[in-house]
């Protein structure tokens, strides 16, 4: 009788890292925004000319304004950091031009 345990175990062993890498690569990204110390209020961020996620969190000034090097093409989760802690963004609105490219993002921080 043919013993298939060893070949199957070897295949699983060698494919596991590939599956893990693909799963991590497909994880949903978040658009990170960092607001000023103690900031509460409206945020308005202008998007740069390219579509994609910025390489670092977008910094927002004390008046709630900021500029992003790029913004994601589709709806994306937003992570807002204030004083090193994650806070909730409400009334999130992605503004887009006629072809669907993002031009600005606005939301409220409480």
C-alpha atoms as a PDB file:
ATOM      1  CA  UNK A   1       0.000   0.000   0.000  1.00  0.00           C
ATOM      2  CA  UNK A   2       1.257   3.491  -0.907  1.00  0.00           C
ATOM      3  CA  UNK A   3       2.134   5.823   1.999  1.00  0.00           C
ATOM      4  CA  UNK A   4       0.997   9.377   1.126  1.00  0.00           C
ATOM      5  CA  UNK A   5       1.652  10.960   4.536  1.00  0.00           C
ATOM      6  CA  UNK A   6       5.222  12.070   3.820  1.00  0.00           C
ATOM      7  CA  UNK A   7       4.565  13.718   0.423  1.00  0.00           C
ATOM      8  CA  UNK A   8       1.462  15.500   1.749  1.00  0.00           C
ATOM      9  CA  UNK A   9       3.315  16.696   4.842  1.00  0.00           C
ATOM     10  CA  UNK A  10       6.143  18.001   2.667  1.00  0.00           C
ATOM     11  CA  UNK A  11       3.743  19.871   0.385  1.00  0.00           C
ATOM     12  CA  UNK A  12       1.960  21.448   3.371  1.00  0.00           C
ATOM     13  CA  UNK A  13       5.305  22.387   4.934  1.00  0.00           C
ATOM     14  CA  UNK A  14       6.549  24.142   1.792  1.00  0.00           C
ATOM     15  CA  UNK A  15       3.261  25.861   0.903  1.00  0.00           C
ATOM     16  CA  UNK A  16       2.530  27.249   4.383  1.00  0.00           C
ATOM     17  CA  UNK A  17       4.916  30.246   4.120  1.00  0.00           C
ATOM     18  CA  UNK A  18       3.522  31.100   0.678  1.00  0.00           C
ATOM     19  CA  UNK A  19      -0.068  31.050   1.934  1.00  0.00           C
ATOM     20  CA  UNK A  20       0.866  33.170   4.961  1.00  0.00           C
ATOM     21  CA  UNK A  21       2.669  35.723   2.778  1.00  0.00           C
ATOM     22  CA  UNK A  22      -0.311  36.003   0.432  1.00  0.00           C
ATOM     23  CA  UNK A  23      -2.735  36.383   3.333  1.00  0.00           C
ATOM     24  CA  UNK A  24      -0.698  39.185   4.892  1.00  0.00           C
ATOM     25  CA  UNK A  25      -0.360  40.914   1.532  1.00  0.00           C
ATOM     26  CA  UNK A  26      -4.128  40.878   1.056  1.00  0.00           C
ATOM     27  CA  UNK A  27      -4.855  42.340   4.490  1.00  0.00           C
ATOM     28  CA  UNK A  28      -6.896  45.511   4.217  1.00  0.00           C
ATOM     29  CA  UNK A  29      -4.769  48.619   4.542  1.00  0.00           C
ATOM     30  CA  UNK A  30      -5.773  51.626   6.537  1.00  0.00           C
ATOM     31  CA  UNK A  31      -5.332  55.317   5.706  1.00  0.00           C
ATOM     32  CA  UNK A  32      -3.429  56.630   8.743  1.00  0.00           C
ATOM     33  CA  UNK A  33      -3.921  60.194   9.966  1.00  0.00           C
ATOM     34  CA  UNK A  34      -2.198  61.840  12.930  1.00  0.00           C
ATOM     35  CA  UNK A  35      -3.925  64.839  14.520  1.00  0.00           C
ATOM     36  CA  UNK A  36      -2.394  67.406  16.862  1.00  0.00           C
ATOM     37  CA  UNK A  37      -2.251  66.953  20.649  1.00  0.00           C
ATOM     38  CA  UNK A  38      -5.750  67.171  22.127  1.00  0.00           C
ATOM     39  CA  UNK A  39      -7.350  67.904  18.724  1.00  0.00           C
ATOM     40  CA  UNK A  40     -11.165  67.762  18.526  1.00  0.00           C
ATOM     41  CA  UNK A  41     -13.050  68.969  15.446  1.00  0.00           C
ATOM     42  CA  UNK A  42     -13.274  68.784  11.676  1.00  0.00           C
ATOM     43  CA  UNK A  43     -10.418  67.460   9.533  1.00  0.00           C
ATOM     44  CA  UNK A  44      -9.916  68.215   5.830  1.00  0.00           C
ATOM     45  CA  UNK A  45      -7.094  66.553   3.913  1.00  0.00           C
ATOM     46  CA  UNK A  46      -6.170  67.347   0.306  1.00  0.00           C
ATOM     47  CA  UNK A  47      -5.040  64.338  -1.742  1.00  0.00           C
ATOM     48  CA  UNK A  48      -1.886  64.391  -3.849  1.00  0.00           C
ATOM     49  CA  UNK A  49      -1.847  63.600  -7.571  1.00  0.00           C
ATOM     50  CA  UNK A  50      -1.229  59.857  -7.215  1.00  0.00           C
ATOM     51  CA  UNK A  51      -3.609  57.098  -6.140  1.00  0.00           C
ATOM     52  CA  UNK A  52      -2.453  54.788  -3.357  1.00  0.00           C
ATOM     53  CA  UNK A  53      -1.690  54.733   0.335  1.00  0.00           C
ATOM     54  CA  UNK A  54       0.826  57.285   1.673  1.00  0.00           C
ATOM     55  CA  UNK A  55       4.159  55.920   2.892  1.00  0.00           C
ATOM     56  CA  UNK A  56       3.622  57.436   6.358  1.00  0.00           C
ATOM     57  CA  UNK A  57       0.685  58.800   8.388  1.00  0.00           C
ATOM     58  CA  UNK A  58      -0.747  62.107   7.171  1.00  0.00           C
ATOM     59  CA  UNK A  59      -0.116  64.834   9.755  1.00  0.00           C
ATOM     60  CA  UNK A  60      -2.929  67.285  10.405  1.00  0.00           C
ATOM     61  CA  UNK A  61      -2.223  70.729  11.862  1.00  0.00           C
ATOM     62  CA  UNK A  62      -3.966  72.250  14.892  1.00  0.00           C
ATOM     63  CA  UNK A  63      -6.643  73.757  12.611  1.00  0.00           C
ATOM     64  CA  UNK A  64      -7.536  70.353  11.112  1.00  0.00           C
ATOM     65  CA  UNK A  65      -5.881  70.789   7.708  1.00  0.00           C
ATOM     66  CA  UNK A  66      -3.456  68.447   6.015  1.00  0.00           C
ATOM     67  CA  UNK A  67      -2.001  67.271   2.722  1.00  0.00           C
ATOM     68  CA  UNK A  68      -1.520  63.648   1.699  1.00  0.00           C
ATOM     69  CA  UNK A  69       1.061  62.577  -0.889  1.00  0.00           C
ATOM     70  CA  UNK A  70      -1.598  60.170  -2.191  1.00  0.00           C
ATOM     71  CA  UNK A  71      -5.016  58.765  -1.291  1.00  0.00           C
ATOM     72  CA  UNK A  72      -6.451  55.288  -1.917  1.00  0.00           C
ATOM     73  CA  UNK A  73      -8.545  54.727  -5.026  1.00  0.00           C
ATOM     74  CA  UNK A  74     -11.403  52.986  -3.217  1.00  0.00           C
ATOM     75  CA  UNK A  75     -13.055  53.330   0.133  1.00  0.00           C
ATOM     76  CA  UNK A  76     -10.500  52.667   2.856  1.00  0.00           C
ATOM     77  CA  UNK A  77     -10.582  52.359   6.614  1.00  0.00           C
ATOM     78  CA  UNK A  78      -9.223  55.405   8.425  1.00  0.00           C
ATOM     79  CA  UNK A  79      -7.017  55.151  11.482  1.00  0.00           C
ATOM     80  CA  UNK A  80      -6.779  58.403  13.445  1.00  0.00           C
ATOM     81  CA  UNK A  81      -4.027  58.794  16.017  1.00  0.00           C
ATOM     82  CA  UNK A  82      -4.085  61.470  18.708  1.00  0.00           C
ATOM     83  CA  UNK A  83      -1.496  61.542  21.473  1.00  0.00           C
ATOM     84  CA  UNK A  84      -0.406  58.026  20.498  1.00  0.00           C
ATOM     85  CA  UNK A  85      -3.912  56.568  20.877  1.00  0.00           C
ATOM     86  CA  UNK A  86      -6.440  55.570  18.223  1.00  0.00           C
ATOM     87  CA  UNK A  87      -9.561  57.756  18.189  1.00  0.00           C
ATOM     88  CA  UNK A  88     -12.802  57.483  16.232  1.00  0.00           C
ATOM     89  CA  UNK A  89     -13.429  59.316  12.962  1.00  0.00           C
ATOM     90  CA  UNK A  90     -17.088  60.096  12.218  1.00  0.00           C
ATOM     91  CA  UNK A  91     -18.864  61.526   9.155  1.00  0.00           C
ATOM     92  CA  UNK A  92     -16.105  60.247   6.858  1.00  0.00           C
ATOM     93  CA  UNK A  93     -16.410  61.631   3.324  1.00  0.00           C
ATOM     94  CA  UNK A  94     -14.092  60.843   0.396  1.00  0.00           C
ATOM     95  CA  UNK A  95     -14.408  63.529  -2.295  1.00  0.00           C
ATOM     96  CA  UNK A  96     -13.694  62.333  -5.841  1.00  0.00           C
ATOM     97  CA  UNK A  97     -13.381  63.963  -9.240  1.00  0.00           C
ATOM     98  CA  UNK A  98     -15.348  62.874 -12.332  1.00  0.00           C
ATOM     99  CA  UNK A  99     -13.168  59.835 -13.051  1.00  0.00           C
ATOM    100  CA  UNK A 100     -13.376  58.608  -9.448  1.00  0.00           C
ATOM    101  CA  UNK A 101      -9.892  59.638  -8.329  1.00  0.00           C
ATOM    102  CA  UNK A 102      -9.754  60.895  -4.727  1.00  0.00           C
ATOM    103  CA  UNK A 103      -9.197  64.633  -4.280  1.00  0.00           C
ATOM    104  CA  UNK A 104      -9.926  65.141  -0.580  1.00  0.00           C
ATOM    105  CA  UNK A 105     -10.992  63.466   2.644  1.00  0.00           C
ATOM    106  CA  UNK A 106     -13.000  65.013   5.448  1.00  0.00           C
ATOM    107  CA  UNK A 107     -14.142  63.652   8.804  1.00  0.00           C
ATOM    108  CA  UNK A 108     -14.800  64.648  12.422  1.00  0.00           C
ATOM    109  CA  UNK A 109     -12.756  63.746  15.478  1.00  0.00           C
ATOM    110  CA  UNK A 110     -14.392  63.693  18.910  1.00  0.00           C
END
